[in-house]
């Protein structure tokens, strides 16, 4: 079950989807990656603040966690001509590509939420293929539930790796300090779970390995 009081915010999910599509080259963002951006962004924000960005339900699927309401959101945005969805050939397979058609208002998102989304977009879309990010998402959190079952937000604590390199920890400390310094100048809530730096460190270490 989700945390009590945590529920889907449809407008924020729409805003997140449009924001992510607008930030990515259409060739770098298919359905698999879009699901993963939503999943990791929501889980990371939940670890930091105790609240997700969208509150969407995520379920265990063969290619990793998927966002239950995403198909409905994409269909709605396409009908409203806010985005365009194309089906293209990708090495003999059919792949969905998404293009933002205008500068839709994303004021539903805070600057902190946009910053988290930017980090996850960089990691998922620019530093991984659909295959590698699917493999990466087959972690302890994914293993803890059966296929088709909902992944509880409170299981996100298991995204924190037991061990990360010193370089990754130093990088995470620096990034966390930047966010905390930024938040100290505004009335927004400060980080509630400091160990989230280990999640960021794990993501950064994964990114570094892709470039070795």
Foldseek 3Di string as FASTA:
>chain_A
DADPPQAFDLLQVLLLLLLLQAVDDQVLDWQLLSQVLQVVLQLLVCQFPVHGRGSFWWFQDQLAIGGVCPVVSVVVCVVVVQKPWDWDADPNDTTITIHGPDDDDSVSDDPVSSVSSVLSSCLRRVQDHSNVVSVVRCDPQSVVDDGPDTRYSVSSVVLQDPDADPVLLVVLVVVLVVVQVVCVVDPDDGTPRVSSSSNSSVSVVVSVVSVD
